[in-house]
C-alpha atoms as a PDB file:
ATOM      1  CA  MET A   1      15.618  61.777  42.810  1.00  0.00           C
ATOM      2  CA  THR A   2      18.140  64.327  41.542  1.00  0.00           C
ATOM      3  CA  ARG A   3      20.800  62.599  39.440  1.00  0.00           C
ATOM      4  CA  VAL A   4      24.188  64.059  38.551  1.00  0.00           C
ATOM      5  CA  PRO A   5      26.082  62.098  35.884  1.00  0.00           C
ATOM      6  CA  PRO A   6      29.414  60.812  37.234  1.00  0.00           C
ATOM      7  CA  SER A   7      32.343  62.687  35.723  1.00  0.00           C
ATOM      8  CA  GLY A   8      35.840  63.849  36.448  1.00  0.00           C
ATOM      9  CA  PRO A   9      39.167  62.051  36.729  1.00  0.00           C
ATOM     10  CA  HIS A  10      39.073  61.840  40.528  1.00  0.00           C
ATOM     11  CA  LEU A  11      35.865  59.813  40.814  1.00  0.00           C
ATOM     12  CA  ARG A  12      36.572  56.489  42.482  1.00  0.00           C
ATOM     13  CA  SER A  13      35.853  53.433  40.347  1.00  0.00           C
ATOM     14  CA  SER A  14      34.951  51.160  43.250  1.00  0.00           C
ATOM     15  CA  ALA A  15      31.353  50.338  44.071  1.00  0.00           C
ATOM     16  CA  ALA A  16      31.661  52.003  47.480  1.00  0.00           C
ATOM     17  CA  GLY A  17      33.197  55.106  45.928  1.00  0.00           C
ATOM     18  CA  LEU A  18      30.472  55.452  43.316  1.00  0.00           C
ATOM     19  CA  PHE A  19      27.720  54.949  45.851  1.00  0.00           C
ATOM     20  CA  GLY A  20      29.369  57.391  48.257  1.00  0.00           C
ATOM     21  CA  THR A  21      29.570  60.018  45.519  1.00  0.00           C
ATOM     22  CA  LEU A  22      25.904  59.485  44.673  1.00  0.00           C
ATOM     23  CA  LEU A  23      24.938  59.849  48.329  1.00  0.00           C
ATOM     24  CA  ARG A  24      26.987  63.025  48.744  1.00  0.00           C
ATOM     25  CA  ARG A  25      25.574  64.641  45.597  1.00  0.00           C
ATOM     26  CA  THR A  26      22.035  63.714  46.595  1.00  0.00           C
ATOM     27  CA  ARG A  27      22.602  65.250  50.044  1.00  0.00           C
ATOM     28  CA  GLU A  28      24.051  68.408  48.515  1.00  0.00           C
ATOM     29  CA  ALA A  29      21.111  68.650  46.092  1.00  0.00           C
ATOM     30  CA  ARG A  30      18.856  68.690  49.159  1.00  0.00           C
ATOM     31  CA  LYS A  31      21.062  71.480  50.609  1.00  0.00           C
ATOM     32  CA  MET A  32      21.703  69.401  53.709  1.00  0.00           C
ATOM     33  CA  SER A  33      25.027  69.464  55.508  1.00  0.00           C
ATOM     34  CA  GLN A  34      26.905  66.294  56.289  1.00  0.00           C
ATOM     35  CA  GLY A  35      26.588  66.973  60.007  1.00  0.00           C
ATOM     36  CA  GLU A  36      22.807  67.382  59.762  1.00  0.00           C
ATOM     37  CA  LEU A  37      22.368  64.133  57.843  1.00  0.00           C
ATOM     38  CA  ALA A  38      24.570  62.302  60.344  1.00  0.00           C
ATOM     39  CA  ARG A  39      22.467  63.708  63.202  1.00  0.00           C
ATOM     40  CA  GLN A  40      19.198  62.542  61.656  1.00  0.00           C
ATOM     41  CA  ILE A  41      20.380  59.020  60.718  1.00  0.00           C
ATOM     42  CA  PRO A  42      21.797  58.945  63.515  1.00  0.00           C
ATOM     43  CA  CYS A  43      25.495  58.127  63.143  1.00  0.00           C
ATOM     44  CA  SER A  44      28.808  59.869  63.717  1.00  0.00           C
ATOM     45  CA  ARG A  45      29.942  62.421  61.161  1.00  0.00           C
ATOM     46  CA  PRO A  46      33.314  60.628  60.631  1.00  0.00           C
ATOM     47  CA  HIS A  47      31.401  57.436  59.819  1.00  0.00           C
ATOM     48  CA  LEU A  48      29.294  59.252  57.219  1.00  0.00           C
ATOM     49  CA  THR A  49      32.450  60.856  55.821  1.00  0.00           C
ATOM     50  CA  ARG A  50      34.011  57.429  55.271  1.00  0.00           C
ATOM     51  CA  ILE A  51      30.883  56.261  53.449  1.00  0.00           C
ATOM     52  CA  GLU A  52      30.778  59.329  51.209  1.00  0.00           C
ATOM     53  CA  ASN A  53      34.461  59.051  50.304  1.00  0.00           C
ATOM     54  CA  GLY A  54      34.107  55.345  49.528  1.00  0.00           C
ATOM     55  CA  SER A  55      36.291  53.936  52.295  1.00  0.00           C
ATOM     56  CA  ARG A  56      33.411  52.221  54.121  1.00  0.00           C
ATOM     57  CA  VAL A  57      30.618  50.049  52.710  1.00  0.00           C
ATOM     58  CA  PRO A  58      27.233  51.407  53.905  1.00  0.00           C
ATOM     59  CA  GLN A  59      24.958  49.006  55.779  1.00  0.00           C
ATOM     60  CA  HIS A  60      21.267  48.407  55.117  1.00  0.00           C
ATOM     61  CA  PRO A  61      19.847  50.379  58.122  1.00  0.00           C
ATOM     62  CA  LEU A  62      21.923  53.459  57.262  1.00  0.00           C
ATOM     63  CA  VAL A  63      20.915  53.390  53.590  1.00  0.00           C
ATOM     64  CA  THR A  64      17.264  52.983  54.586  1.00  0.00           C
ATOM     65  CA  ALA A  65      17.557  56.032  56.842  1.00  0.00           C
ATOM     66  CA  CYS A  66      19.255  58.084  54.107  1.00  0.00           C
ATOM     67  CA  ASP A  67      16.566  57.090  51.613  1.00  0.00           C
ATOM     68  CA  ARG A  68      13.888  58.313  54.017  1.00  0.00           C
ATOM     69  CA  ILE A  69      15.641  61.523  55.105  1.00  0.00           C
ATOM     70  CA  LEU A  70      16.676  62.543  51.580  1.00  0.00           C
ATOM     71  CA  GLU A  71      13.233  61.592  50.218  1.00  0.00           C
ATOM     72  CA  THR A  72      14.522  59.473  47.327  1.00  0.00           C
ATOM     73  CA  GLY A  73      11.409  57.312  47.241  1.00  0.00           C
ATOM     74  CA  GLY A  74      13.240  54.018  47.662  1.00  0.00           C
ATOM     75  CA  GLU A  75      15.580  54.654  44.729  1.00  0.00           C
ATOM     76  CA  LEU A  76      18.706  55.071  46.848  1.00  0.00           C
ATOM     77  CA  LEU A  77      17.977  51.788  48.605  1.00  0.00           C
ATOM     78  CA  GLU A  78      17.243  50.065  45.291  1.00  0.00           C
ATOM     79  CA  ILE A  79      20.595  51.163  43.868  1.00  0.00           C
ATOM     80  CA  TRP A  80      22.374  49.953  47.019  1.00  0.00           C
ATOM     81  CA  GLU A  81      20.726  46.538  46.712  1.00  0.00           C
ATOM     82  CA  GLU A  82      21.881  46.204  43.108  1.00  0.00           C
ATOM     83  CA  VAL A  83      25.538  47.016  43.844  1.00  0.00           C
ATOM     84  CA  ASP A  84      28.028  44.133  43.882  1.00  0.00           C
ATOM     85  CA  TRP A  85      29.769  45.069  47.124  1.00  0.00           C
ATOM     86  CA  TYR A  86      32.116  42.107  46.762  1.00  0.00           C
ATOM     87  CA  ALA A  87      33.658  43.001  43.415  1.00  0.00           C
ATOM     88  CA  GLN A  88      36.394  45.119  45.028  1.00  0.00           C
ATOM     89  CA  VAL A  89      37.291  42.500  47.636  1.00  0.00           C
ATOM     90  CA  ASP A  90      40.155  40.157  46.845  1.00  0.00           C
ATOM     91  CA  HIS A  91      38.349  36.890  47.546  1.00  0.00           C
ATOM     92  CA  PRO A  92      39.162  33.746  45.591  1.00  0.00           C
ATOM     93  CA  ASN A  93      36.846  33.066  42.661  1.00  0.00           C
ATOM     94  CA  TRP A  94      35.181  30.164  44.455  1.00  0.00           C
ATOM     95  CA  PHE A  95      34.130  32.449  47.289  1.00  0.00           C
ATOM     96  CA  GLN A  96      32.790  35.110  44.931  1.00  0.00           C
ATOM     97  CA  ARG A  97      30.553  32.465  43.391  1.00  0.00           C
ATOM     98  CA  PHE A  98      29.380  31.395  46.842  1.00  0.00           C
ATOM     99  CA  VAL A  99      28.463  34.986  47.768  1.00  0.00           C
ATOM    100  CA  LEU A 100      26.400  35.423  44.611  1.00  0.00           C
ATOM    101  CA  ILE A 101      24.431  32.220  45.258  1.00  0.00           C
ATOM    102  CA  GLU A 102      24.033  32.982  48.970  1.00  0.00           C
ATOM    103  CA  ALA A 103      22.616  36.441  48.158  1.00  0.00           C
ATOM    104  CA  LYS A 104      19.672  34.840  46.324  1.00  0.00           C
ATOM    105  CA  ALA A 105      19.125  31.782  48.535  1.00  0.00           C
ATOM    106  CA  THR A 106      15.736  31.238  50.156  1.00  0.00           C
ATOM    107  CA  SER A 107      17.184  28.809  52.709  1.00  0.00           C
ATOM    108  CA  ILE A 108      20.661  28.586  54.234  1.00  0.00           C
ATOM    109  CA  GLN A 109      21.588  25.615  56.430  1.00  0.00           C
ATOM    110  CA  GLU A 110      25.042  25.802  57.956  1.00  0.00           C
ATOM    111  CA  PHE A 111      27.307  23.774  60.203  1.00  0.00           C
ATOM    112  CA  GLN A 112      30.240  25.839  61.443  1.00  0.00           C
ATOM    113  CA  THR A 113      33.188  25.086  63.683  1.00  0.00           C
ATOM    114  CA  PRO A 114      35.547  26.270  65.079  1.00  0.00           C
ATOM    115  CA  TRP A 115      34.361  29.822  64.265  1.00  0.00           C
ATOM    116  CA  ILE A 116      31.041  31.631  64.511  1.00  0.00           C
ATOM    117  CA  SER A 117      29.181  31.744  61.187  1.00  0.00           C
ATOM    118  CA  GLY A 118      30.093  34.801  59.113  1.00  0.00           C
ATOM    119  CA  LEU A 119      26.400  35.696  58.839  1.00  0.00           C
ATOM    120  CA  LEU A 120      26.219  35.947  62.631  1.00  0.00           C
ATOM    121  CA  GLN A 121      29.496  37.708  63.425  1.00  0.00           C
ATOM    122  CA  THR A 122      29.779  41.126  65.015  1.00  0.00           C
ATOM    123  CA  GLU A 123      32.083  43.658  63.418  1.00  0.00           C
ATOM    124  CA  ALA A 124      34.638  43.371  66.241  1.00  0.00           C
ATOM    125  CA  TYR A 125      34.669  39.562  66.145  1.00  0.00           C
ATOM    126  CA  ALA A 126      35.005  39.522  62.351  1.00  0.00           C
ATOM    127  CA  ARG A 127      37.881  42.005  62.472  1.00  0.00           C
ATOM    128  CA  ALA A 128      39.719  40.027  65.157  1.00  0.00           C
ATOM    129  CA  LEU A 129      39.256  36.757  63.281  1.00  0.00           C
ATOM    130  CA  ILE A 130      40.238  38.114  59.871  1.00  0.00           C
ATOM    131  CA  SER A 131      43.307  39.741  61.468  1.00  0.00           C
ATOM    132  CA  LEU A 132      44.552  36.249  62.309  1.00  0.00           C
ATOM    133  CA  GLY A 133      44.440  35.142  58.681  1.00  0.00           C
ATOM    134  CA  ASN A 134      46.342  35.959  55.510  1.00  0.00           C
ATOM    135  CA  ALA A 135      45.195  39.590  55.520  1.00  0.00           C
ATOM    136  CA  ALA A 136      46.907  40.354  58.833  1.00  0.00           C
ATOM    137  CA  ASP A 137      49.687  42.437  57.252  1.00  0.00           C
ATOM    138  CA  ASP A 138      47.327  44.613  55.197  1.00  0.00           C
ATOM    139  CA  PRO A 139      45.011  46.802  57.330  1.00  0.00           C
ATOM    140  CA  ARG A 140      43.106  48.003  54.281  1.00  0.00           C
ATOM    141  CA  GLN A 141      42.382  44.458  53.135  1.00  0.00           C
ATOM    142  CA  ILE A 142      41.221  43.585  56.633  1.00  0.00           C
ATOM    143  CA  GLU A 143      38.705  46.423  56.558  1.00  0.00           C
ATOM    144  CA  GLU A 144      37.542  45.457  53.068  1.00  0.00           C
ATOM    145  CA  TRP A 145      36.906  41.873  54.144  1.00  0.00           C
ATOM    146  CA  VAL A 146      35.141  42.999  57.320  1.00  0.00           C
ATOM    147  CA  ALA A 147      32.902  45.342  55.319  1.00  0.00           C
ATOM    148  CA  ALA A 148      32.086  42.614  52.795  1.00  0.00           C
ATOM    149  CA  ARG A 149      31.233  40.147  55.555  1.00  0.00           C
ATOM    150  CA  LEU A 150      28.915  42.612  57.296  1.00  0.00           C
ATOM    151  CA  ALA A 151      27.274  43.541  53.992  1.00  0.00           C
ATOM    152  CA  ARG A 152      26.249  39.901  53.523  1.00  0.00           C
ATOM    153  CA  GLN A 153      24.231  40.048  56.732  1.00  0.00           C
ATOM    154  CA  HIS A 154      21.640  42.661  55.738  1.00  0.00           C
ATOM    155  CA  ARG A 155      19.391  40.082  54.062  1.00  0.00           C
ATOM    156  CA  LEU A 156      18.675  38.440  57.411  1.00  0.00           C
ATOM    157  CA  THR A 157      16.476  41.382  58.388  1.00  0.00           C
ATOM    158  CA  GLY A 158      15.334  42.442  54.930  1.00  0.00           C
ATOM    159  CA  PRO A 159      11.986  41.840  53.202  1.00  0.00           C
ATOM    160  CA  ASP A 160      13.334  38.781  51.350  1.00  0.00           C
ATOM    161  CA  ALA A 161      15.094  37.300  54.385  1.00  0.00           C
ATOM    162  CA  PRO A 162      16.082  33.652  53.924  1.00  0.00           C
ATOM    163  CA  LEU A 163      15.452  30.935  56.475  1.00  0.00           C
ATOM    164  CA  LEU A 164      18.787  30.544  58.275  1.00  0.00           C
ATOM    165  CA  THR A 165      19.624  27.483  60.358  1.00  0.00           C
ATOM    166  CA  VAL A 166      23.082  27.399  61.937  1.00  0.00           C
ATOM    167  CA  ILE A 167      24.569  24.570  63.964  1.00  0.00           C
ATOM    168  CA  LEU A 168      27.679  25.721  65.813  1.00  0.00           C
ATOM    169  CA  GLY A 169      30.230  23.362  67.271  1.00  0.00           C
ATOM    170  CA  GLU A 170      30.631  24.106  70.983  1.00  0.00           C
ATOM    171  CA  THR A 171      34.247  25.033  70.264  1.00  0.00           C
ATOM    172  CA  ALA A 172      33.004  28.147  68.452  1.00  0.00           C
ATOM    173  CA  LEU A 173      31.431  29.376  71.686  1.00  0.00           C
ATOM    174  CA  ARG A 174      34.285  28.591  74.042  1.00  0.00           C
ATOM    175  CA  GLN A 175      37.395  29.833  72.279  1.00  0.00           C
ATOM    176  CA  THR A 176      38.057  33.513  72.877  1.00  0.00           C
ATOM    177  CA  VAL A 177      38.429  35.603  69.724  1.00  0.00           C
ATOM    178  CA  GLY A 178      39.384  39.255  70.189  1.00  0.00           C
ATOM    179  CA  GLY A 179      39.412  39.114  73.991  1.00  0.00           C
ATOM    180  CA  PRO A 180      36.692  38.468  76.595  1.00  0.00           C
ATOM    181  CA  GLN A 181      34.654  41.610  75.855  1.00  0.00           C
ATOM    182  CA  VAL A 182      34.562  41.019  72.092  1.00  0.00           C
ATOM    183  CA  MET A 183      33.583  37.393  72.678  1.00  0.00           C
ATOM    184  CA  HIS A 184      30.939  38.359  75.235  1.00  0.00           C
ATOM    185  CA  ASP A 185      29.394  40.822  72.777  1.00  0.00           C
ATOM    186  CA  GLN A 186      29.529  38.185  70.030  1.00  0.00           C
ATOM    187  CA  LEU A 187      27.631  35.654  72.128  1.00  0.00           C
ATOM    188  CA  GLN A 188      25.106  38.314  73.099  1.00  0.00           C
ATOM    189  CA  HIS A 189      24.653  39.017  69.381  1.00  0.00           C
ATOM    190  CA  LEU A 190      23.948  35.311  68.802  1.00  0.00           C
ATOM    191  CA  LEU A 191      21.142  35.477  71.347  1.00  0.00           C
ATOM    192  CA  ARG A 192      19.651  38.524  69.627  1.00  0.00           C
ATOM    193  CA  MET A 193      19.871  36.962  66.185  1.00  0.00           C
ATOM    194  CA  GLY A 194      18.357  33.730  67.464  1.00  0.00           C
ATOM    195  CA  ARG A 195      15.197  35.625  68.368  1.00  0.00           C
ATOM    196  CA  LEU A 196      14.550  36.558  64.725  1.00  0.00           C
ATOM    197  CA  PRO A 197      11.651  34.511  63.293  1.00  0.00           C
ATOM    198  CA  ASN A 198      13.731  33.326  60.334  1.00  0.00           C
ATOM    199  CA  VAL A 199      16.891  32.379  62.291  1.00  0.00           C
ATOM    200  CA  THR A 200      17.505  29.182  64.269  1.00  0.00           C
ATOM    201  CA  ILE A 201      20.776  28.659  66.144  1.00  0.00           C
ATOM    202  CA  GLN A 202      21.684  25.301  67.660  1.00  0.00           C
ATOM    203  CA  VAL A 203      24.855  24.030  69.303  1.00  0.00           C
ATOM    204  CA  ALA A 204      26.511  20.659  68.733  1.00  0.00           C
ATOM    205  CA  PRO A 205      27.973  19.979  72.203  1.00  0.00           C
ATOM    206  CA  PHE A 206      31.305  18.326  72.911  1.00  0.00           C
ATOM    207  CA  SER A 207      29.407  15.280  74.184  1.00  0.00           C
ATOM    208  CA  LEU A 208      28.397  14.322  70.626  1.00  0.00           C
ATOM    209  CA  GLY A 209      32.025  13.380  69.944  1.00  0.00           C
ATOM    210  CA  GLU A 210      32.458  11.458  66.697  1.00  0.00           C
ATOM    211  CA  ARG A 211      28.768  11.772  65.867  1.00  0.00           C
ATOM    212  CA  VAL A 212      29.653  15.189  64.461  1.00  0.00           C
ATOM    213  CA  ARG A 213      30.701  13.725  61.109  1.00  0.00           C
ATOM    214  CA  PHE A 214      31.829  16.884  59.383  1.00  0.00           C
ATOM    215  CA  GLY A 215      35.534  17.519  58.919  1.00  0.00           C
ATOM    216  CA  SER A 216      34.951  21.134  57.894  1.00  0.00           C
ATOM    217  CA  SER A 217      32.198  23.702  57.622  1.00  0.00           C
ATOM    218  CA  LEU A 218      29.173  22.800  55.498  1.00  0.00           C
ATOM    219  CA  ILE A 219      26.537  25.081  53.983  1.00  0.00           C
ATOM    220  CA  ILE A 220      23.477  23.891  52.069  1.00  0.00           C
ATOM    221  CA  LEU A 221      21.947  26.642  49.928  1.00  0.00           C
ATOM    222  CA  THR A 222      18.487  26.441  48.389  1.00  0.00           C
ATOM    223  CA  SER A 223      17.815  28.750  45.427  1.00  0.00           C
ATOM    224  CA  PRO A 224      14.414  30.264  44.538  1.00  0.00           C
ATOM    225  CA  ASP A 225      13.961  27.554  41.880  1.00  0.00           C
ATOM    226  CA  GLY A 226      14.379  24.841  44.535  1.00  0.00           C
ATOM    227  CA  LYS A 227      17.885  23.804  43.447  1.00  0.00           C
ATOM    228  CA  ARG A 228      20.132  22.835  46.346  1.00  0.00           C
ATOM    229  CA  ARG A 229      23.918  23.127  46.502  1.00  0.00           C
ATOM    230  CA  ALA A 230      26.288  21.909  49.194  1.00  0.00           C
ATOM    231  CA  TYR A 231      29.319  24.075  49.860  1.00  0.00           C
ATOM    232  CA  SER A 232      32.372  23.433  52.019  1.00  0.00           C
ATOM    233  CA  GLU A 233      35.700  25.189  52.338  1.00  0.00           C
ATOM    234  CA  SER A 234      39.161  24.691  53.755  1.00  0.00           C
ATOM    235  CA  LEU A 235      42.214  26.906  54.150  1.00  0.00           C
ATOM    236  CA  THR A 236      42.935  27.036  50.433  1.00  0.00           C
ATOM    237  CA  HIS A 237      39.786  26.243  48.477  1.00  0.00           C
ATOM    238  CA  GLY A 238      36.015  26.016  48.441  1.00  0.00           C
ATOM    239  CA  ARG A 239      33.950  23.307  46.815  1.00  0.00           C
ATOM    240  CA  PHE A 240      30.402  23.252  45.484  1.00  0.00           C
ATOM    241  CA  ASP A 241      28.542  19.968  45.096  1.00  0.00           C
ATOM    242  CA  GLU A 242      25.513  20.239  42.830  1.00  0.00           C
ATOM    243  CA  ASP A 243      24.872  16.545  42.231  1.00  0.00           C
ATOM    244  CA  PRO A 244      21.320  15.938  43.573  1.00  0.00           C
ATOM    245  CA  GLN A 245      22.126  12.541  45.091  1.00  0.00           C
ATOM    246  CA  ARG A 246      25.259  13.715  46.872  1.00  0.00           C
ATOM    247  CA  VAL A 247      23.539  16.877  48.085  1.00  0.00           C
ATOM    248  CA  GLN A 248      20.724  14.728  49.457  1.00  0.00           C
ATOM    249  CA  ARG A 249      23.275  12.651  51.376  1.00  0.00           C
ATOM    250  CA  TRP A 250      24.742  15.851  52.849  1.00  0.00           C
ATOM    251  CA  GLN A 251      21.222  16.952  53.733  1.00  0.00           C
ATOM    252  CA  ARG A 252      20.523  13.684  55.586  1.00  0.00           C
ATOM    253  CA  ARG A 253      23.739  14.018  57.559  1.00  0.00           C
ATOM    254  CA  TYR A 254      22.872  17.604  58.409  1.00  0.00           C
ATOM    255  CA  ASP A 255      19.360  16.634  59.502  1.00  0.00           C
ATOM    256  CA  LEU A 256      20.746  13.866  61.729  1.00  0.00           C
ATOM    257  CA  LEU A 257      23.185  16.286  63.355  1.00  0.00           C
ATOM    258  CA  ARG A 258      20.445  18.838  63.880  1.00  0.00           C
ATOM    259  CA  ALA A 259      18.300  16.188  65.596  1.00  0.00           C
ATOM    260  CA  GLU A 260      21.155  15.360  68.003  1.00  0.00           C
ATOM    261  CA  ALA A 261      22.261  18.948  68.616  1.00  0.00           C
ATOM    262  CA  LEU A 262      20.872  20.967  71.506  1.00  0.00           C
ATOM    263  CA  SER A 263      17.487  22.549  70.882  1.00  0.00           C
ATOM    264  CA  ALA A 264      17.374  26.267  70.173  1.00  0.00           C
ATOM    265  CA  GLN A 265      16.255  26.896  73.761  1.00  0.00           C
ATOM    266  CA  ASP A 266      18.970  24.715  75.318  1.00  0.00           C
ATOM    267  CA  SER A 267      21.533  26.238  72.970  1.00  0.00           C
ATOM    268  CA  ALA A 268      20.567  29.724  74.160  1.00  0.00           C
ATOM    269  CA  ARG A 269      21.023  28.588  77.762  1.00  0.00           C
ATOM    270  CA  LEU A 270      24.499  27.249  76.962  1.00  0.00           C
ATOM    271  CA  ILE A 271      25.433  30.498  75.217  1.00  0.00           C
ATOM    272  CA  ARG A 272      24.331  32.475  78.294  1.00  0.00           C
ATOM    273  CA  SER A 273      26.384  30.172  80.520  1.00  0.00           C
ATOM    274  CA  VAL A 274      29.518  30.730  78.436  1.00  0.00           C
ATOM    275  CA  MET A 275      28.841  34.487  78.529  1.00  0.00           C
ATOM    276  CA  GLU A 276      28.766  34.414  82.313  1.00  0.00           C
ATOM    277  CA  GLY A 277      32.145  32.670  82.335  1.00  0.00           C
ATOM    278  CA  LEU A 278      33.581  35.391  80.118  1.00  0.00           C
ATOM    279  CA  LEU A 279      32.437  38.052  82.550  1.00  0.00           C
ATOM    280  CA  ASN A 280      34.610  36.391  85.182  1.00  0.00           C
ATOM    281  CA  MET A 281      37.719  36.399  82.979  1.00  0.00           C
ATOM    282  CA  ASP A 282      40.387  39.034  83.342  1.00  0.00           C
ATOM    283  CA  SER A 283      39.709  41.631  80.649  1.00  0.00           C
ATOM    284  CA  THR A 284      43.420  42.145  80.006  1.00  0.00           C
ATOM    285  CA  THR A 285      45.432  40.079  77.559  1.00  0.00           C
ATOM    286  CA  PRO A 286      47.593  37.510  79.397  1.00  0.00           C
ATOM    287  CA  ASP A 287      51.332  38.110  79.475  1.00  0.00           C
ATOM    288  CA  LEU A 288      52.817  35.702  76.932  1.00  0.00           C
ATOM    289  CA  SER A 289      56.378  37.034  77.117  1.00  0.00           C
ATOM    290  CA  LYS A 290      57.503  33.975  79.123  1.00  0.00           C
ATOM    291  CA  ALA A 291      55.301  31.462  77.349  1.00  0.00           C
ATOM    292  CA  SER A 292      56.910  28.257  76.111  1.00  0.00           C
ATOM    293  CA  TRP A 293      55.899  27.711  72.470  1.00  0.00           C
ATOM    294  CA  ARG A 294      56.051  24.543  70.391  1.00  0.00           C
ATOM    295  CA  LYS A 295      54.939  23.704  66.869  1.00  0.00           C
ATOM    296  CA  ALA A 296      51.777  21.637  66.694  1.00  0.00           C
ATOM    297  CA  SER A 297      52.375  18.149  65.321  1.00  0.00           C
ATOM    298  CA  TYR A 298      49.600  18.505  62.716  1.00  0.00           C
ATOM    299  CA  SER A 299      50.865  21.772  61.170  1.00  0.00           C
ATOM    300  CA  ASP A 300      50.735  21.712  57.376  1.00  0.00           C
ATOM    301  CA  HIS A 301      54.419  22.319  56.731  1.00  0.00           C
ATOM    302  CA  ASP A 302      54.179  21.713  52.987  1.00  0.00           C
ATOM    303  CA  ALA A 303      51.595  24.484  52.616  1.00  0.00           C
ATOM    304  CA  GLY A 304      53.473  26.749  54.999  1.00  0.00           C
ATOM    305  CA  ASN A 305      50.731  26.639  57.637  1.00  0.00           C
ATOM    306  CA  CYS A 306      52.576  26.199  60.947  1.00  0.00           C
ATOM    307  CA  ILE A 307      50.763  26.576  64.239  1.00  0.00           C
ATOM    308  CA  GLU A 308      52.490  27.058  67.568  1.00  0.00           C
ATOM    309  CA  VAL A 309      50.891  26.519  70.966  1.00  0.00           C
ATOM    310  CA  ALA A 310      51.970  27.639  74.442  1.00  0.00           C
ATOM    311  CA  GLU A 311      51.685  25.049  77.189  1.00  0.00           C
ATOM    312  CA  ASN A 312      52.523  26.968  80.356  1.00  0.00           C
ATOM    313  CA  VAL A 313      49.710  29.562  80.557  1.00  0.00           C
ATOM    314  CA  PRO A 314      47.303  28.606  83.367  1.00  0.00           C
ATOM    315  CA  GLY A 315      43.700  28.127  82.249  1.00  0.00           C
ATOM    316  CA  LEU A 316      44.372  28.993  78.604  1.00  0.00           C
ATOM    317  CA  VAL A 317      45.974  27.524  75.486  1.00  0.00           C
ATOM    318  CA  PRO A 318      47.379  30.392  73.362  1.00  0.00           C
ATOM    319  CA  VAL A 319      47.837  29.613  69.650  1.00  0.00           C
ATOM    320  CA  ARG A 320      49.797  31.665  67.108  1.00  0.00           C
ATOM    321  CA  ASP A 321      51.151  31.575  63.567  1.00  0.00           C
ATOM    322  CA  SER A 322      54.805  30.502  63.710  1.00  0.00           C
ATOM    323  CA  LYS A 323      55.542  32.790  60.749  1.00  0.00           C
ATOM    324  CA  ASP A 324      54.355  35.777  62.785  1.00  0.00           C
ATOM    325  CA  PRO A 325      55.540  35.205  66.379  1.00  0.00           C
ATOM    326  CA  GLU A 326      54.990  38.869  67.255  1.00  0.00           C
ATOM    327  CA  GLY A 327      51.434  38.806  65.931  1.00  0.00           C
ATOM    328  CA  PRO A 328      48.211  38.188  67.866  1.00  0.00           C
ATOM    329  CA  ALA A 329      47.541  34.885  69.630  1.00  0.00           C
ATOM    330  CA  LEU A 330      44.196  33.119  69.660  1.00  0.00           C
ATOM    331  CA  LEU A 331      43.152  32.074  73.172  1.00  0.00           C
ATOM    332  CA  PHE A 332      41.452  28.725  73.758  1.00  0.00           C
ATOM    333  CA  ARG A 333      40.082  27.239  76.922  1.00  0.00           C
ATOM    334  CA  PRO A 334      41.729  23.803  77.437  1.00  0.00           C
ATOM    335  CA  ASP A 335      38.527  21.831  76.714  1.00  0.00           C
ATOM    336  CA  ALA A 336      37.823  23.901  73.589  1.00  0.00           C
ATOM    337  CA  TRP A 337      41.394  23.366  72.388  1.00  0.00           C
ATOM    338  CA  GLN A 338      41.109  19.592  72.739  1.00  0.00           C
ATOM    339  CA  SER A 339      37.895  19.640  70.729  1.00  0.00           C
ATOM    340  CA  PHE A 340      39.557  21.836  68.111  1.00  0.00           C
ATOM    341  CA  VAL A 341      42.507  19.435  67.807  1.00  0.00           C
ATOM    342  CA  THR A 342      40.128  16.526  67.351  1.00  0.00           C
ATOM    343  CA  GLY A 343      38.321  18.377  64.585  1.00  0.00           C
ATOM    344  CA  VAL A 344      41.569  19.195  62.772  1.00  0.00           C
ATOM    345  CA  ARG A 345      42.695  15.558  62.892  1.00  0.00           C
ATOM    346  CA  GLN A 346      39.351  14.397  61.513  1.00  0.00           C
ATOM    347  CA  GLY A 347      39.277  16.845  58.612  1.00  0.00           C
ATOM    348  CA  GLU A 348      40.456  20.166  57.336  1.00  0.00           C
ATOM    349  CA  LEU A 349      40.680  23.398  59.301  1.00  0.00           C
ATOM    350  CA  PRO A 350      38.086  25.857  57.938  1.00  0.00           C
ATOM    351  CA  ALA A 351      39.305  29.154  56.561  1.00  0.00           C
ATOM    352  CA  VAL A 352      39.070  32.284  58.697  1.00  0.00           C
ATOM    353  CA  GLY A 353      39.442  34.861  55.915  1.00  0.00           C
ATOM    354  CA  HIS A 354      35.868  34.739  54.601  1.00  0.00           C
END
């Protein structure tokens, strides 16, 4: 592989910028135009431009294609795998630690509600969800967080893919994030991912009620040395539990929930059913100009987290941040909203920013 030592005052210091510069110089050393490389990958030329200038984190399939086309003998891919793509993303320290452990885990067991697991999100769903969080006023930060979230997913189809088991609360399927089309595509993506040999997706239906004894998301990570860690997060913090006895208790609770959740086959049928309902929804955003909003009684006023809900929109329960009344609203079906409220009252609302 032809190497050109990085130099010059205009070279970006970010991981994406350095990798993009390396890719561009390798392409130029092969005397290949940007348009030709984009055609062979294949991808759009603007997309390749963003990768080469460091504004977009490259994904595993694209890097694999570049490695093959530019004949770098696996070296380009090896460099990509060694890059810390999360170093330039303004995540709290606790989440950075989680990402590092997750990247090496041989087994990931997750319970997630009210959102789809980050490892299973589409780009459009992730962008819509992150836009509702603290990054909403900073488009660049939104794109950085989306890129970091997607970059975490490449291991699921790589040679060292972990075993991934995800139990989703039914609420995660039924609330509409990003509009009907985005949600439809997200559920379709769940079905595709569920067909991977190392991925199992199950749904904890509403009918389980209080038997779902998790107040927030839970992830159990198993490292190559067999060490297990339990991880949970809320709006403001994440927590690791490494005590073997406590982790074993979390594991038992997870195993019990998995036994009561729908099977993978029944879960897939439920996902398809929800998809069909989305196809019947109006693809336009409902008119909320005349909606009657009220603050939810469980808003965390001390922390500044105030949620408003609209009560006079037929068939939907719109929810918005009271600090940003002109911002986007999250649309719930009435049954999903009731389940969501129950979950909030039983525990902490999971964070959407990660």
